[in-house]
All heavy atoms as atom14 arrays in JSON, in Angstrom:
{
  "sequence": "TFYKAMAARAGFGKEAGELTWLCAIAKNLFYDEMRRQKHL",
  "atom14_mask": [
    [1, 1, 1, 1, 1, 1, 1, 0, 0, 0, 0, 0, 0, 0],
    [1, 1, 1, 1, 1, 1, 1, 1, 1, 1, 1, 0, 0, 0],
    [1, 1, 1, 1, 1, 1, 1, 1, 1, 1, 1, 1, 0, 0],
    [1, 1, 1, 1, 1, 1, 1, 1, 1, 0, 0, 0, 0, 0],
    [1, 1, 1, 1, 1, 0, 0, 0, 0, 0, 0, 0, 0, 0],
    [1, 1, 1, 1, 1, 1, 1, 1, 0, 0, 0, 0, 0, 0],
    [1, 1, 1, 1, 1, 0, 0, 0, 0, 0, 0, 0, 0, 0],
    [1, 1, 1, 1, 1, 0, 0, 0, 0, 0, 0, 0, 0, 0],
    [1, 1, 1, 1, 1, 1, 1, 1, 1, 1, 1, 0, 0, 0],
    [1, 1, 1, 1, 1, 0, 0, 0, 0, 0, 0, 0, 0, 0],
    [1, 1, 1, 1, 0, 0, 0, 0, 0, 0, 0, 0, 0, 0],
    [1, 1, 1, 1, 1, 1, 1, 1, 1, 1, 1, 0, 0, 0],
    [1, 1, 1, 1, 0, 0, 0, 0, 0, 0, 0, 0, 0, 0],
    [1, 1, 1, 1, 1, 1, 1, 1, 1, 0, 0, 0, 0, 0],
    [1, 1, 1, 1, 1, 1, 1, 1, 1, 0, 0, 0, 0, 0],
    [1, 1, 1, 1, 1, 0, 0, 0, 0, 0, 0, 0, 0, 0],
    [1, 1, 1, 1, 0, 0, 0, 0, 0, 0, 0, 0, 0, 0],
    [1, 1, 1, 1, 1, 1, 1, 1, 1, 0, 0, 0, 0, 0],
    [1, 1, 1, 1, 1, 1, 1, 1, 0, 0, 0, 0, 0, 0],
    [1, 1, 1, 1, 1, 1, 1, 0, 0, 0, 0, 0, 0, 0],
    [1, 1, 1, 1, 1, 1, 1, 1, 1, 1, 1, 1, 1, 1],
    [1, 1, 1, 1, 1, 1, 1, 1, 0, 0, 0, 0, 0, 0],
    [1, 1, 1, 1, 1, 1, 0, 0, 0, 0, 0, 0, 0, 0],
    [1, 1, 1, 1, 1, 0, 0, 0, 0, 0, 0, 0, 0, 0],
    [1, 1, 1, 1, 1, 1, 1, 1, 0, 0, 0, 0, 0, 0],
    [1, 1, 1, 1, 1, 0, 0, 0, 0, 0, 0, 0, 0, 0],
    [1, 1, 1, 1, 1, 1, 1, 1, 1, 0, 0, 0, 0, 0],
    [1, 1, 1, 1, 1, 1, 1, 1, 0, 0, 0, 0, 0, 0],
    [1, 1, 1, 1, 1, 1, 1, 1, 0, 0, 0, 0, 0, 0],
    [1, 1, 1, 1, 1, 1, 1, 1, 1, 1, 1, 0, 0, 0],
    [1, 1, 1, 1, 1, 1, 1, 1, 1, 1, 1, 1, 0, 0],
    [1, 1, 1, 1, 1, 1, 1, 1, 0, 0, 0, 0, 0, 0],
    [1, 1, 1, 1, 1, 1, 1, 1, 1, 0, 0, 0, 0, 0],
    [1, 1, 1, 1, 1, 1, 1, 1, 0, 0, 0, 0, 0, 0],
    [1, 1, 1, 1, 1, 1, 1, 1, 1, 1, 1, 0, 0, 0],
    [1, 1, 1, 1, 1, 1, 1, 1, 1, 1, 1, 0, 0, 0],
    [1, 1, 1, 1, 1, 1, 1, 1, 1, 0, 0, 0, 0, 0],
    [1, 1, 1, 1, 1, 1, 1, 1, 1, 0, 0, 0, 0, 0],
    [1, 1, 1, 1, 1, 1, 1, 1, 1, 1, 0, 0, 0, 0],
    [1, 1, 1, 1, 1, 1, 1, 1, 0, 0, 0, 0, 0, 0]
  ],
  "atom14_positions": [
    [[3.58, -10.99, 9.92], [4.75, -11.83, 9.63], [6.0, -11.22, 10.25], [6.76, -11.92, 10.93], [4.94, -11.99, 8.11], [3.79, -12.66, 7.58], [6.2, -12.76, 7.79], [0.0, 0.0, 0.0], [0.0, 0.0, 0.0], [0.0, 0.0, 0.0], [0.0, 0.0, 0.0], [0.0, 0.0, 0.0], [0.0, 0.0, 0.0], [0.0, 0.0, 0.0]],
    [[6.2, -9.93, 10.04], [7.41, -9.29, 10.58], [7.34, -9.18, 12.1], [8.36, -9.3, 12.78], [7.65, -7.94, 9.91], [8.25, -8.09, 8.55], [7.46, -8.08, 7.42], [9.62, -8.28, 8.4], [8.01, -8.25, 6.16], [10.18, -8.44, 7.15], [9.37, -8.43, 6.02], [0.0, 0.0, 0.0], [0.0, 0.0, 0.0], [0.0, 0.0, 0.0]],
    [[6.16, -9.01, 12.64], [6.02, -8.99, 14.1], [6.4, -10.35, 14.68], [7.17, -10.44, 15.64], [4.58, -8.62, 14.5], [4.39, -8.69, 15.99], [4.84, -7.67, 16.81], [3.77, -9.8, 16.58], [4.68, -7.74, 18.19], [3.61, -9.86, 17.95], [4.07, -8.84, 18.75], [3.92, -8.91, 20.11], [0.0, 0.0, 0.0], [0.0, 0.0, 0.0]],
    [[5.85, -11.42, 14.08], [6.19, -12.77, 14.57], [7.68, -13.05, 14.4], [8.29, -13.7, 15.24], [5.36, -13.82, 13.83], [3.94, -13.92, 14.34], [3.25, -15.14, 13.83], [3.53, -16.25, 14.78], [2.49, -17.2, 15.0], [0.0, 0.0, 0.0], [0.0, 0.0, 0.0], [0.0, 0.0, 0.0], [0.0, 0.0, 0.0], [0.0, 0.0, 0.0]],
    [[8.24, -12.6, 13.28], [9.67, -12.82, 13.04], [10.49, -12.1, 14.11], [11.47, -12.65, 14.62], [10.05, -12.32, 11.65], [0.0, 0.0, 0.0], [0.0, 0.0, 0.0], [0.0, 0.0, 0.0], [0.0, 0.0, 0.0], [0.0, 0.0, 0.0], [0.0, 0.0, 0.0], [0.0, 0.0, 0.0], [0.0, 0.0, 0.0], [0.0, 0.0, 0.0]],
    [[10.08, -10.89, 14.44], [10.81, -10.13, 15.45], [10.72, -10.85, 16.81], [11.71, -10.99, 17.52], [10.22, -8.73, 15.58], [10.93, -7.87, 16.62], [10.2, -6.23, 16.78], [8.72, -6.6, 17.68], [0.0, 0.0, 0.0], [0.0, 0.0, 0.0], [0.0, 0.0, 0.0], [0.0, 0.0, 0.0], [0.0, 0.0, 0.0], [0.0, 0.0, 0.0]],
    [[9.56, -11.34, 17.13], [9.37, -12.0, 18.42], [10.07, -13.36, 18.5], [10.49, -13.79, 19.56], [7.88, -12.18, 18.69], [0.0, 0.0, 0.0], [0.0, 0.0, 0.0], [0.0, 0.0, 0.0], [0.0, 0.0, 0.0], [0.0, 0.0, 0.0], [0.0, 0.0, 0.0], [0.0, 0.0, 0.0], [0.0, 0.0, 0.0], [0.0, 0.0, 0.0]],
    [[10.21, -14.03, 17.36], [10.75, -15.39, 17.36], [12.12, -15.48, 16.69], [12.55, -16.56, 16.31], [9.78, -16.32, 16.63], [0.0, 0.0, 0.0], [0.0, 0.0, 0.0], [0.0, 0.0, 0.0], [0.0, 0.0, 0.0], [0.0, 0.0, 0.0], [0.0, 0.0, 0.0], [0.0, 0.0, 0.0], [0.0, 0.0, 0.0], [0.0, 0.0, 0.0]],
    [[12.79, -14.4, 16.56], [14.08, -14.39, 15.84], [15.07, -15.39, 16.4], [15.85, -15.99, 15.67], [14.67, -12.98, 15.86], [15.98, -12.82, 15.13], [15.81, -13.05, 13.66], [17.11, -12.81, 13.03], [17.31, -12.72, 11.78], [16.3, -12.81, 10.95], [18.49, -12.51, 11.29], [0.0, 0.0, 0.0], [0.0, 0.0, 0.0], [0.0, 0.0, 0.0]],
    [[15.01, -15.63, 17.69], [15.94, -16.59, 18.3], [15.71, -17.98, 17.73], [16.62, -18.79, 17.68], [15.77, -16.6, 19.81], [0.0, 0.0, 0.0], [0.0, 0.0, 0.0], [0.0, 0.0, 0.0], [0.0, 0.0, 0.0], [0.0, 0.0, 0.0], [0.0, 0.0, 0.0], [0.0, 0.0, 0.0], [0.0, 0.0, 0.0], [0.0, 0.0, 0.0]],
    [[14.5, -18.27, 17.25], [14.18, -19.58, 16.7], [14.53, -19.73, 15.24], [14.31, -20.79, 14.65], [0.0, 0.0, 0.0], [0.0, 0.0, 0.0], [0.0, 0.0, 0.0], [0.0, 0.0, 0.0], [0.0, 0.0, 0.0], [0.0, 0.0, 0.0], [0.0, 0.0, 0.0], [0.0, 0.0, 0.0], [0.0, 0.0, 0.0], [0.0, 0.0, 0.0]],
    [[15.09, -18.67, 14.62], [15.44, -18.72, 13.2], [16.62, -19.65, 12.99], [17.68, -19.46, 13.55], [15.76, -17.33, 12.68], [16.35, -17.3, 11.3], [15.61, -17.76, 10.22], [17.64, -16.83, 11.08], [16.14, -17.74, 8.95], [18.17, -16.81, 9.82], [17.43, -17.26, 8.74], [0.0, 0.0, 0.0], [0.0, 0.0, 0.0], [0.0, 0.0, 0.0]],
    [[16.39, -20.68, 12.18], [17.46, -21.61, 11.86], [18.22, -21.12, 10.65], [17.64, -20.79, 9.62], [0.0, 0.0, 0.0], [0.0, 0.0, 0.0], [0.0, 0.0, 0.0], [0.0, 0.0, 0.0], [0.0, 0.0, 0.0], [0.0, 0.0, 0.0], [0.0, 0.0, 0.0], [0.0, 0.0, 0.0], [0.0, 0.0, 0.0], [0.0, 0.0, 0.0]],
    [[19.51, -21.04, 10.74], [20.33, -20.5, 9.66], [20.36, -21.39, 8.42], [20.8, -20.97, 7.38], [21.77, -20.26, 10.15], [21.89, -19.19, 11.19], [21.6, -17.83, 10.6], [21.78, -16.75, 11.66], [21.36, -15.45, 11.22], [0.0, 0.0, 0.0], [0.0, 0.0, 0.0], [0.0, 0.0, 0.0], [0.0, 0.0, 0.0], [0.0, 0.0, 0.0]],
    [[19.86, -22.65, 8.53], [19.88, -23.52, 7.37], [18.91, -23.04, 6.29], [19.08, -23.33, 5.13], [19.57, -24.98, 7.75], [18.2, -25.22, 8.33], [18.1, -24.95, 9.83], [19.11, -24.63, 10.47], [16.98, -25.06, 10.36], [0.0, 0.0, 0.0], [0.0, 0.0, 0.0], [0.0, 0.0, 0.0], [0.0, 0.0, 0.0], [0.0, 0.0, 0.0]],
    [[17.88, -22.29, 6.69], [16.95, -21.71, 5.72], [17.29, -20.23, 5.58], [17.73, -19.59, 6.52], [15.52, -21.86, 6.22], [0.0, 0.0, 0.0], [0.0, 0.0, 0.0], [0.0, 0.0, 0.0], [0.0, 0.0, 0.0], [0.0, 0.0, 0.0], [0.0, 0.0, 0.0], [0.0, 0.0, 0.0], [0.0, 0.0, 0.0], [0.0, 0.0, 0.0]],
    [[17.08, -19.69, 4.39], [17.31, -18.27, 4.19], [16.26, -17.44, 4.9], [15.17, -17.93, 5.22], [0.0, 0.0, 0.0], [0.0, 0.0, 0.0], [0.0, 0.0, 0.0], [0.0, 0.0, 0.0], [0.0, 0.0, 0.0], [0.0, 0.0, 0.0], [0.0, 0.0, 0.0], [0.0, 0.0, 0.0], [0.0, 0.0, 0.0], [0.0, 0.0, 0.0]],
    [[16.58, -16.19, 5.14], [15.64, -15.32, 5.85], [14.33, -15.17, 5.08], [13.25, -15.2, 5.66], [16.27, -13.94, 6.08], [17.37, -13.96, 7.1], [18.06, -12.63, 7.26], [18.21, -11.91, 6.24], [18.46, -12.32, 8.39], [0.0, 0.0, 0.0], [0.0, 0.0, 0.0], [0.0, 0.0, 0.0], [0.0, 0.0, 0.0], [0.0, 0.0, 0.0]],
    [[14.41, -15.01, 3.76], [13.19, -14.86, 2.97], [12.33, -16.12, 3.04], [11.11, -16.04, 3.2], [13.51, -14.52, 1.51], [12.3, -14.33, 0.6], [11.41, -13.21, 1.11], [12.75, -14.06, -0.83], [0.0, 0.0, 0.0], [0.0, 0.0, 0.0], [0.0, 0.0, 0.0], [0.0, 0.0, 0.0], [0.0, 0.0, 0.0], [0.0, 0.0, 0.0]],
    [[12.95, -17.28, 2.99], [12.21, -18.54, 3.09], [11.53, -18.63, 4.44], [10.36, -19.02, 4.54], [13.17, -19.73, 2.9], [13.81, -19.6, 1.64], [12.44, -21.05, 2.99], [0.0, 0.0, 0.0], [0.0, 0.0, 0.0], [0.0, 0.0, 0.0], [0.0, 0.0, 0.0], [0.0, 0.0, 0.0], [0.0, 0.0, 0.0], [0.0, 0.0, 0.0]],
    [[12.23, -18.26, 5.47], [11.69, -18.28, 6.83], [10.51, -17.32, 6.95], [9.45, -17.69, 7.47], [12.82, -17.9, 7.79], [12.44, -17.79, 9.23], [11.95, -18.77, 10.05], [12.55, -16.62, 10.05], [11.75, -18.28, 11.31], [12.12, -16.97, 11.34], [13.0, -15.32, 9.82], [12.11, -16.06, 12.39], [12.99, -14.43, 10.86], [12.55, -14.79, 12.13]],
    [[10.65, -16.1, 6.42], [9.57, -15.12, 6.48], [8.35, -15.58, 5.68], [7.21, -15.44, 6.13], [10.06, -13.76, 5.96], [11.07, -13.05, 6.85], [11.7, -11.87, 6.1], [10.41, -12.57, 8.14], [0.0, 0.0, 0.0], [0.0, 0.0, 0.0], [0.0, 0.0, 0.0], [0.0, 0.0, 0.0], [0.0, 0.0, 0.0], [0.0, 0.0, 0.0]],
    [[8.58, -16.16, 4.52], [7.47, -16.64, 3.7], [6.75, -17.82, 4.36], [5.53, -17.95, 4.23], [7.95, -17.01, 2.3], [8.32, -15.55, 1.29], [0.0, 0.0, 0.0], [0.0, 0.0, 0.0], [0.0, 0.0, 0.0], [0.0, 0.0, 0.0], [0.0, 0.0, 0.0], [0.0, 0.0, 0.0], [0.0, 0.0, 0.0], [0.0, 0.0, 0.0]],
    [[7.49, -18.64, 5.07], [6.86, -19.76, 5.8], [5.96, -19.21, 6.92], [4.85, -19.7, 7.12], [7.93, -20.69, 6.38], [0.0, 0.0, 0.0], [0.0, 0.0, 0.0], [0.0, 0.0, 0.0], [0.0, 0.0, 0.0], [0.0, 0.0, 0.0], [0.0, 0.0, 0.0], [0.0, 0.0, 0.0], [0.0, 0.0, 0.0], [0.0, 0.0, 0.0]],
    [[6.42, -18.19, 7.61], [5.6, -17.56, 8.65], [4.36, -16.96, 8.0], [3.24, -17.15, 8.48], [6.4, -16.46, 9.4], [7.54, -17.08, 10.22], [5.47, -15.64, 10.29], [8.5, -16.07, 10.81], [0.0, 0.0, 0.0], [0.0, 0.0, 0.0], [0.0, 0.0, 0.0], [0.0, 0.0, 0.0], [0.0, 0.0, 0.0], [0.0, 0.0, 0.0]],
    [[4.55, -16.24, 6.89], [3.42, -15.6, 6.2], [2.41, -16.63, 5.72], [1.19, -16.43, 5.85], [3.95, -14.78, 5.02], [0.0, 0.0, 0.0], [0.0, 0.0, 0.0], [0.0, 0.0, 0.0], [0.0, 0.0, 0.0], [0.0, 0.0, 0.0], [0.0, 0.0, 0.0], [0.0, 0.0, 0.0], [0.0, 0.0, 0.0], [0.0, 0.0, 0.0]],
    [[2.89, -17.73, 5.16], [2.0, -18.77, 4.66], [1.18, -19.35, 5.81], [-0.03, -19.54, 5.69], [2.8, -19.87, 3.97], [1.94, -21.0, 3.42], [2.77, -22.07, 2.78], [3.51, -22.8, 3.87], [4.15, -24.02, 3.51], [0.0, 0.0, 0.0], [0.0, 0.0, 0.0], [0.0, 0.0, 0.0], [0.0, 0.0, 0.0], [0.0, 0.0, 0.0]],
    [[1.82, -19.62, 6.94], [1.1, -20.17, 8.09], [0.06, -19.17, 8.62], [-1.05, -19.57, 8.98], [2.08, -20.57, 9.19], [2.88, -21.79, 8.82], [2.43, -22.63, 8.03], [4.08, -21.9, 9.35], [0.0, 0.0, 0.0], [0.0, 0.0, 0.0], [0.0, 0.0, 0.0], [0.0, 0.0, 0.0], [0.0, 0.0, 0.0], [0.0, 0.0, 0.0]],
    [[0.4, -17.9, 8.63], [-0.57, -16.89, 9.06], [-1.75, -16.82, 8.1], [-2.9, -16.69, 8.51], [0.11, -15.51, 9.16], [1.06, -15.32, 10.34], [1.85, -14.03, 10.18], [0.29, -15.32, 11.65], [0.0, 0.0, 0.0], [0.0, 0.0, 0.0], [0.0, 0.0, 0.0], [0.0, 0.0, 0.0], [0.0, 0.0, 0.0], [0.0, 0.0, 0.0]],
    [[-1.46, -16.93, 6.8], [-2.52, -16.92, 5.79], [-3.46, -18.1, 6.0], [-4.68, -17.94, 6.01], [-1.93, -16.95, 4.38], [-2.97, -17.13, 3.31], [-3.79, -16.08, 2.94], [-3.11, -18.36, 2.68], [-4.76, -16.25, 1.96], [-4.08, -18.53, 1.7], [-4.9, -17.48, 1.34], [0.0, 0.0, 0.0], [0.0, 0.0, 0.0], [0.0, 0.0, 0.0]],
    [[-2.9, -19.3, 6.17], [-3.74, -20.48, 6.38], [-4.55, -20.37, 7.67], [-5.71, -20.78, 7.71], [-2.91, -21.76, 6.36], [-2.43, -22.12, 4.97], [-1.17, -22.65, 4.78], [-3.23, -21.94, 3.85], [-0.72, -22.98, 3.51], [-2.79, -22.27, 2.59], [-1.53, -22.79, 2.42], [-1.1, -23.11, 1.17], [0.0, 0.0, 0.0], [0.0, 0.0, 0.0]],
    [[-3.95, -19.83, 8.71], [-4.7, -19.63, 9.96], [-5.88, -18.69, 9.72], [-6.98, -18.93, 10.21], [-3.79, -19.03, 11.04], [-2.76, -20.01, 11.57], [-2.89, -21.22, 11.3], [-1.81, -19.54, 12.24], [0.0, 0.0, 0.0], [0.0, 0.0, 0.0], [0.0, 0.0, 0.0], [0.0, 0.0, 0.0], [0.0, 0.0, 0.0], [0.0, 0.0, 0.0]],
    [[-5.64, -17.62, 8.97], [-6.7, -16.65, 8.67], [-7.8, -17.29, 7.82], [-8.99, -17.05, 8.05], [-6.12, -15.43, 7.95], [-7.14, -14.38, 7.58], [-7.84, -13.73, 8.77], [-7.34, -13.79, 9.91], [-8.93, -13.15, 8.55], [0.0, 0.0, 0.0], [0.0, 0.0, 0.0], [0.0, 0.0, 0.0], [0.0, 0.0, 0.0], [0.0, 0.0, 0.0]],
    [[-7.44, -18.1, 6.87], [-8.43, -18.76, 6.02], [-9.29, -19.74, 6.84], [-10.5, -19.81, 6.64], [-7.77, -19.5, 4.86], [-7.12, -18.59, 3.82], [-8.27, -17.42, 3.06], [-7.94, -15.92, 3.99], [0.0, 0.0, 0.0], [0.0, 0.0, 0.0], [0.0, 0.0, 0.0], [0.0, 0.0, 0.0], [0.0, 0.0, 0.0], [0.0, 0.0, 0.0]],
    [[-8.66, -20.45, 7.75], [-9.41, -21.35, 8.63], [-10.38, -20.55, 9.5], [-11.54, -20.92, 9.69], [-8.48, -22.19, 9.49], [-7.89, -23.38, 8.76], [-7.15, -24.3, 9.71], [-5.92, -23.73, 10.2], [-4.74, -23.82, 9.59], [-4.65, -24.47, 8.44], [-3.67, -23.29, 10.11], [0.0, 0.0, 0.0], [0.0, 0.0, 0.0], [0.0, 0.0, 0.0]],
    [[-9.91, -19.42, 10.0], [-10.75, -18.57, 10.85], [-11.93, -18.03, 10.04], [-13.07, -18.09, 10.48], [-9.93, -17.41, 11.42], [-10.71, -16.56, 12.43], [-9.93, -15.33, 12.87], [-9.8, -14.35, 11.83], [-10.79, -13.53, 11.43], [-11.96, -13.59, 12.01], [-10.59, -12.65, 10.47], [0.0, 0.0, 0.0], [0.0, 0.0, 0.0], [0.0, 0.0, 0.0]],
    [[-11.67, -17.56, 8.82], [-12.75, -17.03, 7.98], [-13.73, -18.12, 7.57], [-14.93, -17.89, 7.52], [-12.18, -16.35, 6.74], [-11.54, -15.02, 7.03], [-11.02, -14.33, 5.8], [-11.32, -14.71, 4.67], [-10.2, -13.31, 6.0], [0.0, 0.0, 0.0], [0.0, 0.0, 0.0], [0.0, 0.0, 0.0], [0.0, 0.0, 0.0], [0.0, 0.0, 0.0]],
    [[-13.2, -19.3, 7.27], [-14.07, -20.42, 6.89], [-15.0, -20.78, 8.04], [-16.19, -21.02, 7.85], [-13.22, -21.62, 6.49], [-14.01, -22.81, 6.02], [-13.08, -23.93, 5.6], [-13.83, -25.17, 5.22], [-12.94, -26.27, 4.88], [0.0, 0.0, 0.0], [0.0, 0.0, 0.0], [0.0, 0.0, 0.0], [0.0, 0.0, 0.0], [0.0, 0.0, 0.0]],
    [[-14.46, -20.79, 9.25], [-15.26, -21.1, 10.43], [-16.35, -20.04, 10.62], [-17.51, -20.38, 10.87], [-14.36, -21.17, 11.67], [-15.08, -21.45, 12.93], [-15.62, -22.68, 13.22], [-15.38, -20.64, 13.98], [-16.22, -22.62, 14.41], [-16.08, -21.4, 14.88], [0.0, 0.0, 0.0], [0.0, 0.0, 0.0], [0.0, 0.0, 0.0], [0.0, 0.0, 0.0]],
    [[-16.0, -18.77, 10.46], [-16.98, -17.7, 10.61], [-18.04, -17.77, 9.51], [-19.22, -17.57, 9.76], [-16.29, -16.33, 10.59], [-15.4, -16.01, 11.78], [-14.69, -14.68, 11.57], [-16.21, -15.97, 13.07], [0.0, 0.0, 0.0], [0.0, 0.0, 0.0], [0.0, 0.0, 0.0], [0.0, 0.0, 0.0], [0.0, 0.0, 0.0], [0.0, 0.0, 0.0]]
  ]
}
């Protein structure tokens, strides 16, 4: 999550708080991982 945030910081919209933005990234990474594990 923090790696992606660092790489995409320019895309951070100030309308959302930083914690909200980080949690959204984390949630998407979690769902991606669950899809990957389900497939395996």
